[in-house]
N, C-alpha and C. Protein backbone atom coordinates (compact mmCIF):
# COMPACT_ATOMS: atom_id res chain seq x y z
N MET A 1 -84.06 -72.77 83.54
CA MET A 1 -84.55 -74.05 82.89
C MET A 1 -85.47 -73.76 81.78
N ASP A 2 -85.36 -74.69 80.77
CA ASP A 2 -86.09 -74.63 79.57
C ASP A 2 -87.76 -74.76 79.76
N LYS A 3 -88.53 -73.80 79.11
CA LYS A 3 -89.75 -73.83 79.26
C LYS A 3 -90.56 -75.26 79.14
N GLY A 4 -90.13 -76.02 78.12
CA GLY A 4 -90.54 -77.20 77.88
C GLY A 4 -90.28 -78.38 78.86
N MET A 5 -89.10 -78.13 79.36
CA MET A 5 -88.75 -79.00 80.40
C MET A 5 -89.48 -78.80 81.68
N GLN A 6 -89.62 -77.41 81.95
CA GLN A 6 -90.52 -77.03 83.26
C GLN A 6 -91.86 -77.70 83.00
N GLU A 7 -92.53 -77.62 81.87
CA GLU A 7 -93.90 -77.96 81.65
C GLU A 7 -94.01 -79.49 81.84
N ARG A 8 -92.88 -80.24 81.36
CA ARG A 8 -92.91 -81.78 81.31
C ARG A 8 -92.71 -82.16 82.81
N LEU A 9 -91.91 -81.45 83.63
CA LEU A 9 -91.93 -81.84 85.11
C LEU A 9 -93.18 -81.32 85.72
N LEU A 10 -93.70 -80.32 85.47
CA LEU A 10 -95.03 -80.06 86.18
C LEU A 10 -96.15 -80.75 85.65
N GLY A 11 -96.11 -81.28 84.22
CA GLY A 11 -97.27 -81.84 83.74
C GLY A 11 -97.30 -83.20 84.53
N SER A 12 -96.36 -83.76 85.02
CA SER A 12 -96.43 -85.31 85.46
C SER A 12 -97.13 -85.07 86.90
N GLU A 13 -97.13 -84.04 87.63
CA GLU A 13 -97.85 -83.91 88.91
C GLU A 13 -99.30 -83.57 88.66
N VAL A 14 -99.73 -82.93 87.56
CA VAL A 14 -101.12 -82.68 87.35
C VAL A 14 -101.75 -83.95 86.52
N GLU A 15 -102.12 -84.83 87.28
CA GLU A 15 -102.62 -86.13 86.41
C GLU A 15 -104.16 -86.11 87.07
N ASP A 16 -104.91 -87.02 86.37
CA ASP A 16 -106.16 -87.17 86.84
C ASP A 16 -106.24 -87.86 88.18
N LYS A 17 -106.97 -87.48 89.07
CA LYS A 17 -106.99 -88.05 90.45
C LYS A 17 -107.90 -89.26 90.51
N GLY A 18 -108.66 -89.69 89.41
CA GLY A 18 -109.60 -90.67 89.35
C GLY A 18 -108.80 -91.84 88.88
N ASN A 19 -109.40 -93.03 88.72
CA ASN A 19 -109.07 -94.42 88.29
C ASN A 19 -107.81 -94.89 89.16
N LEU A 20 -108.06 -95.33 90.21
CA LEU A 20 -106.91 -95.75 91.15
C LEU A 20 -106.18 -96.97 90.38
N LYS A 21 -107.00 -97.82 89.68
CA LYS A 21 -106.25 -98.97 89.14
C LYS A 21 -105.27 -98.51 88.00
N ARG A 22 -105.49 -97.58 87.29
CA ARG A 22 -104.61 -97.06 86.22
C ARG A 22 -103.35 -96.37 86.98
N ARG A 23 -103.77 -95.62 88.09
CA ARG A 23 -102.41 -95.04 88.77
C ARG A 23 -101.43 -96.00 89.48
N VAL A 24 -102.09 -97.11 90.04
CA VAL A 24 -101.42 -98.25 90.58
C VAL A 24 -100.60 -98.82 89.59
N TRP A 25 -101.16 -99.13 88.31
CA TRP A 25 -100.49 -99.86 87.33
C TRP A 25 -99.31 -98.96 86.80
N ASP A 26 -99.55 -97.55 86.65
CA ASP A 26 -98.37 -96.71 86.09
C ASP A 26 -97.20 -96.76 87.20
N GLU A 27 -97.62 -96.67 88.45
CA GLU A 27 -96.46 -96.58 89.44
C GLU A 27 -95.79 -97.88 89.54
N SER A 28 -96.46 -99.16 89.39
CA SER A 28 -95.81 -100.35 89.21
C SER A 28 -94.86 -100.48 88.15
N LYS A 29 -95.31 -99.96 86.84
CA LYS A 29 -94.25 -99.93 85.75
C LYS A 29 -93.03 -99.24 86.01
N LYS A 30 -93.21 -98.14 86.67
CA LYS A 30 -92.12 -97.33 86.92
C LYS A 30 -91.12 -97.96 87.93
N ILE A 31 -91.73 -98.51 89.09
CA ILE A 31 -91.06 -99.13 89.98
C ILE A 31 -90.29 -100.33 89.36
N TRP A 32 -90.74 -101.22 88.37
CA TRP A 32 -90.15 -102.45 87.93
C TRP A 32 -89.01 -101.98 86.86
N ARG A 33 -89.29 -100.65 86.30
CA ARG A 33 -88.22 -100.10 85.29
C ARG A 33 -86.81 -100.00 86.17
N VAL A 34 -87.01 -99.43 87.41
CA VAL A 34 -85.98 -99.19 88.26
C VAL A 34 -85.45 -100.41 88.88
N ALA A 35 -86.49 -101.32 89.26
CA ALA A 35 -85.90 -102.55 90.20
C ALA A 35 -85.41 -103.62 89.37
N LEU A 36 -86.07 -103.85 88.24
CA LEU A 36 -85.55 -105.11 87.27
C LEU A 36 -84.10 -105.22 87.13
N PRO A 37 -83.27 -104.25 86.87
CA PRO A 37 -81.83 -104.59 86.46
C PRO A 37 -81.23 -105.13 87.81
N GLY A 38 -81.63 -104.61 89.06
CA GLY A 38 -81.03 -105.15 90.36
C GLY A 38 -81.42 -106.35 90.57
N VAL A 39 -82.66 -106.67 90.34
CA VAL A 39 -83.16 -108.28 90.54
C VAL A 39 -82.60 -109.13 89.63
N LEU A 40 -82.39 -108.70 88.47
CA LEU A 40 -81.69 -109.86 87.38
C LEU A 40 -80.18 -109.90 87.81
N ALA A 41 -79.47 -108.86 88.15
CA ALA A 41 -78.09 -108.94 88.65
C ALA A 41 -78.04 -109.87 89.83
N ARG A 42 -78.79 -109.70 91.01
CA ARG A 42 -78.79 -110.62 92.07
C ARG A 42 -79.08 -112.06 91.65
N VAL A 43 -79.88 -112.31 90.94
CA VAL A 43 -80.35 -113.70 90.54
C VAL A 43 -79.19 -114.37 89.69
N SER A 44 -78.68 -113.54 88.67
CA SER A 44 -77.61 -114.02 87.89
C SER A 44 -76.31 -114.40 88.76
N ALA A 45 -76.07 -113.46 89.65
CA ALA A 45 -74.80 -113.71 90.52
C ALA A 45 -75.11 -115.03 91.40
N PHE A 46 -76.24 -115.02 91.94
CA PHE A 46 -76.47 -116.15 92.69
C PHE A 46 -76.40 -117.62 91.98
N GLY A 47 -76.99 -117.60 90.56
CA GLY A 47 -76.86 -118.69 89.74
C GLY A 47 -75.43 -118.96 89.53
N THR A 48 -74.65 -117.95 89.17
CA THR A 48 -73.40 -118.31 88.92
C THR A 48 -72.48 -118.93 89.89
N ILE A 49 -72.88 -118.37 91.21
CA ILE A 49 -72.16 -119.07 92.38
C ILE A 49 -72.48 -120.52 92.59
N VAL A 50 -73.83 -120.60 92.51
CA VAL A 50 -74.55 -122.10 92.59
C VAL A 50 -73.80 -123.06 91.52
N VAL A 51 -73.87 -122.65 90.27
CA VAL A 51 -73.38 -123.53 89.19
C VAL A 51 -71.77 -123.78 89.39
N THR A 52 -71.03 -122.76 89.74
CA THR A 52 -69.63 -122.85 89.92
C THR A 52 -69.32 -123.77 91.16
N GLN A 53 -70.13 -123.68 92.23
CA GLN A 53 -69.95 -124.54 93.27
C GLN A 53 -70.34 -126.00 92.96
N SER A 54 -71.26 -126.12 92.15
CA SER A 54 -71.62 -127.55 91.86
C SER A 54 -70.57 -128.36 91.03
N PHE A 55 -70.06 -127.53 90.03
CA PHE A 55 -68.87 -128.01 89.23
C PHE A 55 -67.70 -128.24 89.95
N VAL A 56 -67.33 -127.33 91.14
CA VAL A 56 -66.16 -127.63 91.88
C VAL A 56 -66.32 -128.74 92.71
N GLY A 57 -67.51 -128.94 93.14
CA GLY A 57 -67.76 -130.01 94.09
C GLY A 57 -67.50 -131.43 93.45
N HIS A 58 -67.62 -131.60 92.13
CA HIS A 58 -67.31 -132.61 91.32
C HIS A 58 -65.95 -133.11 91.15
N ILE A 59 -65.09 -131.99 91.51
CA ILE A 59 -63.67 -132.05 91.38
C ILE A 59 -63.08 -132.97 92.59
N SER A 60 -63.33 -132.22 93.86
CA SER A 60 -62.82 -132.87 95.00
C SER A 60 -63.45 -132.02 96.24
N ASN A 61 -63.47 -132.67 97.37
CA ASN A 61 -64.05 -132.00 98.55
C ASN A 61 -63.00 -130.92 99.02
N LEU A 62 -61.66 -131.21 98.91
CA LEU A 62 -60.78 -130.08 99.32
C LEU A 62 -60.86 -128.86 98.35
N ASP A 63 -61.23 -129.09 97.01
CA ASP A 63 -61.50 -127.87 96.34
C ASP A 63 -62.85 -126.95 96.59
N LEU A 64 -63.79 -127.95 96.88
CA LEU A 64 -64.96 -127.50 97.25
C LEU A 64 -65.03 -126.54 98.43
N ALA A 65 -64.24 -127.05 99.37
CA ALA A 65 -64.02 -126.29 100.83
C ALA A 65 -63.18 -125.08 100.43
N GLY A 66 -62.27 -125.19 99.64
CA GLY A 66 -61.43 -123.91 99.32
C GLY A 66 -62.25 -122.81 98.67
N TYR A 67 -63.16 -123.54 97.69
CA TYR A 67 -64.06 -122.41 96.79
C TYR A 67 -65.01 -121.79 97.80
N ALA A 68 -65.54 -122.51 98.66
CA ALA A 68 -66.57 -121.96 99.63
C ALA A 68 -65.98 -120.89 100.66
N LEU A 69 -64.67 -121.27 100.99
CA LEU A 69 -64.18 -120.27 101.84
C LEU A 69 -63.76 -118.81 101.28
N VAL A 70 -63.27 -119.03 99.99
CA VAL A 70 -62.80 -117.96 99.02
C VAL A 70 -64.07 -117.09 98.83
N GLN A 71 -65.05 -117.86 98.36
CA GLN A 71 -66.57 -117.15 98.07
C GLN A 71 -67.10 -116.35 99.34
N THR A 72 -67.00 -117.08 100.54
CA THR A 72 -67.43 -116.45 101.64
C THR A 72 -66.86 -115.24 102.05
N LEU A 73 -65.41 -115.24 101.98
CA LEU A 73 -64.62 -114.17 102.36
C LEU A 73 -64.83 -112.99 101.41
N SER A 74 -64.81 -113.17 99.94
CA SER A 74 -64.98 -112.27 99.13
C SER A 74 -66.26 -111.58 99.05
N VAL A 75 -67.34 -112.36 99.41
CA VAL A 75 -68.87 -111.80 99.57
C VAL A 75 -68.70 -110.71 100.85
N ARG A 76 -68.10 -111.30 101.87
CA ARG A 76 -68.17 -110.40 103.18
C ARG A 76 -67.33 -109.09 102.83
N PHE A 77 -66.17 -109.18 102.14
CA PHE A 77 -65.27 -108.28 101.83
C PHE A 77 -66.01 -107.03 101.01
N VAL A 78 -66.70 -107.47 99.96
CA VAL A 78 -67.30 -106.58 98.99
C VAL A 78 -68.64 -106.02 100.00
N ASN A 79 -69.24 -106.77 100.70
CA ASN A 79 -70.39 -106.06 101.50
C ASN A 79 -69.81 -104.99 102.43
N GLY A 80 -68.54 -105.44 103.07
CA GLY A 80 -68.00 -104.42 104.04
C GLY A 80 -67.39 -103.12 103.25
N ILE A 81 -67.03 -103.23 102.06
CA ILE A 81 -66.73 -102.03 101.37
C ILE A 81 -67.85 -101.23 101.07
N LEU A 82 -68.99 -101.80 100.61
CA LEU A 82 -70.35 -101.22 100.40
C LEU A 82 -70.88 -100.29 101.67
N VAL A 83 -70.64 -101.16 102.76
CA VAL A 83 -71.23 -100.31 104.04
C VAL A 83 -70.26 -99.22 104.31
N PHE A 84 -68.84 -99.54 104.12
CA PHE A 84 -68.05 -98.38 104.27
C PHE A 84 -68.11 -97.11 103.39
N ILE A 85 -68.18 -97.44 102.16
CA ILE A 85 -68.19 -96.37 101.14
C ILE A 85 -69.58 -95.74 101.16
N PHE A 86 -70.46 -96.54 100.89
CA PHE A 86 -71.83 -96.09 100.68
C PHE A 86 -72.65 -95.74 101.89
N GLY A 87 -72.30 -96.31 103.17
CA GLY A 87 -73.10 -96.06 104.18
C GLY A 87 -74.37 -96.93 104.43
N LEU A 88 -74.45 -98.08 103.53
CA LEU A 88 -75.76 -98.80 103.53
C LEU A 88 -76.15 -99.24 105.08
N GLY A 89 -75.22 -99.47 105.85
CA GLY A 89 -75.61 -100.05 107.30
C GLY A 89 -75.90 -99.12 108.33
N SER A 90 -75.75 -97.73 107.88
CA SER A 90 -76.01 -96.60 108.82
C SER A 90 -77.28 -96.11 109.09
N LYS A 91 -78.22 -96.69 108.20
CA LYS A 91 -79.72 -96.15 108.20
C LYS A 91 -80.57 -97.09 108.78
């Protein structure tokens, strides 16, 4: 491994042990950098479903029931694939 890379990796472990407020702020920024795309994806997907369902509801009750059924089955199918492939339900 490159000496500069090793120093960068080791340098992150050797930080000042003081100032708890600063360390909490740094960790919070790191967590949000990782979590924010997932949060935005979930919120936008839910918003898309809600807006689509509200527009379909204006057409007719039968179309709304059909959309709700298809949406429920597709979400359960995708969650089943995630559990099967990635083992999210095994832990």
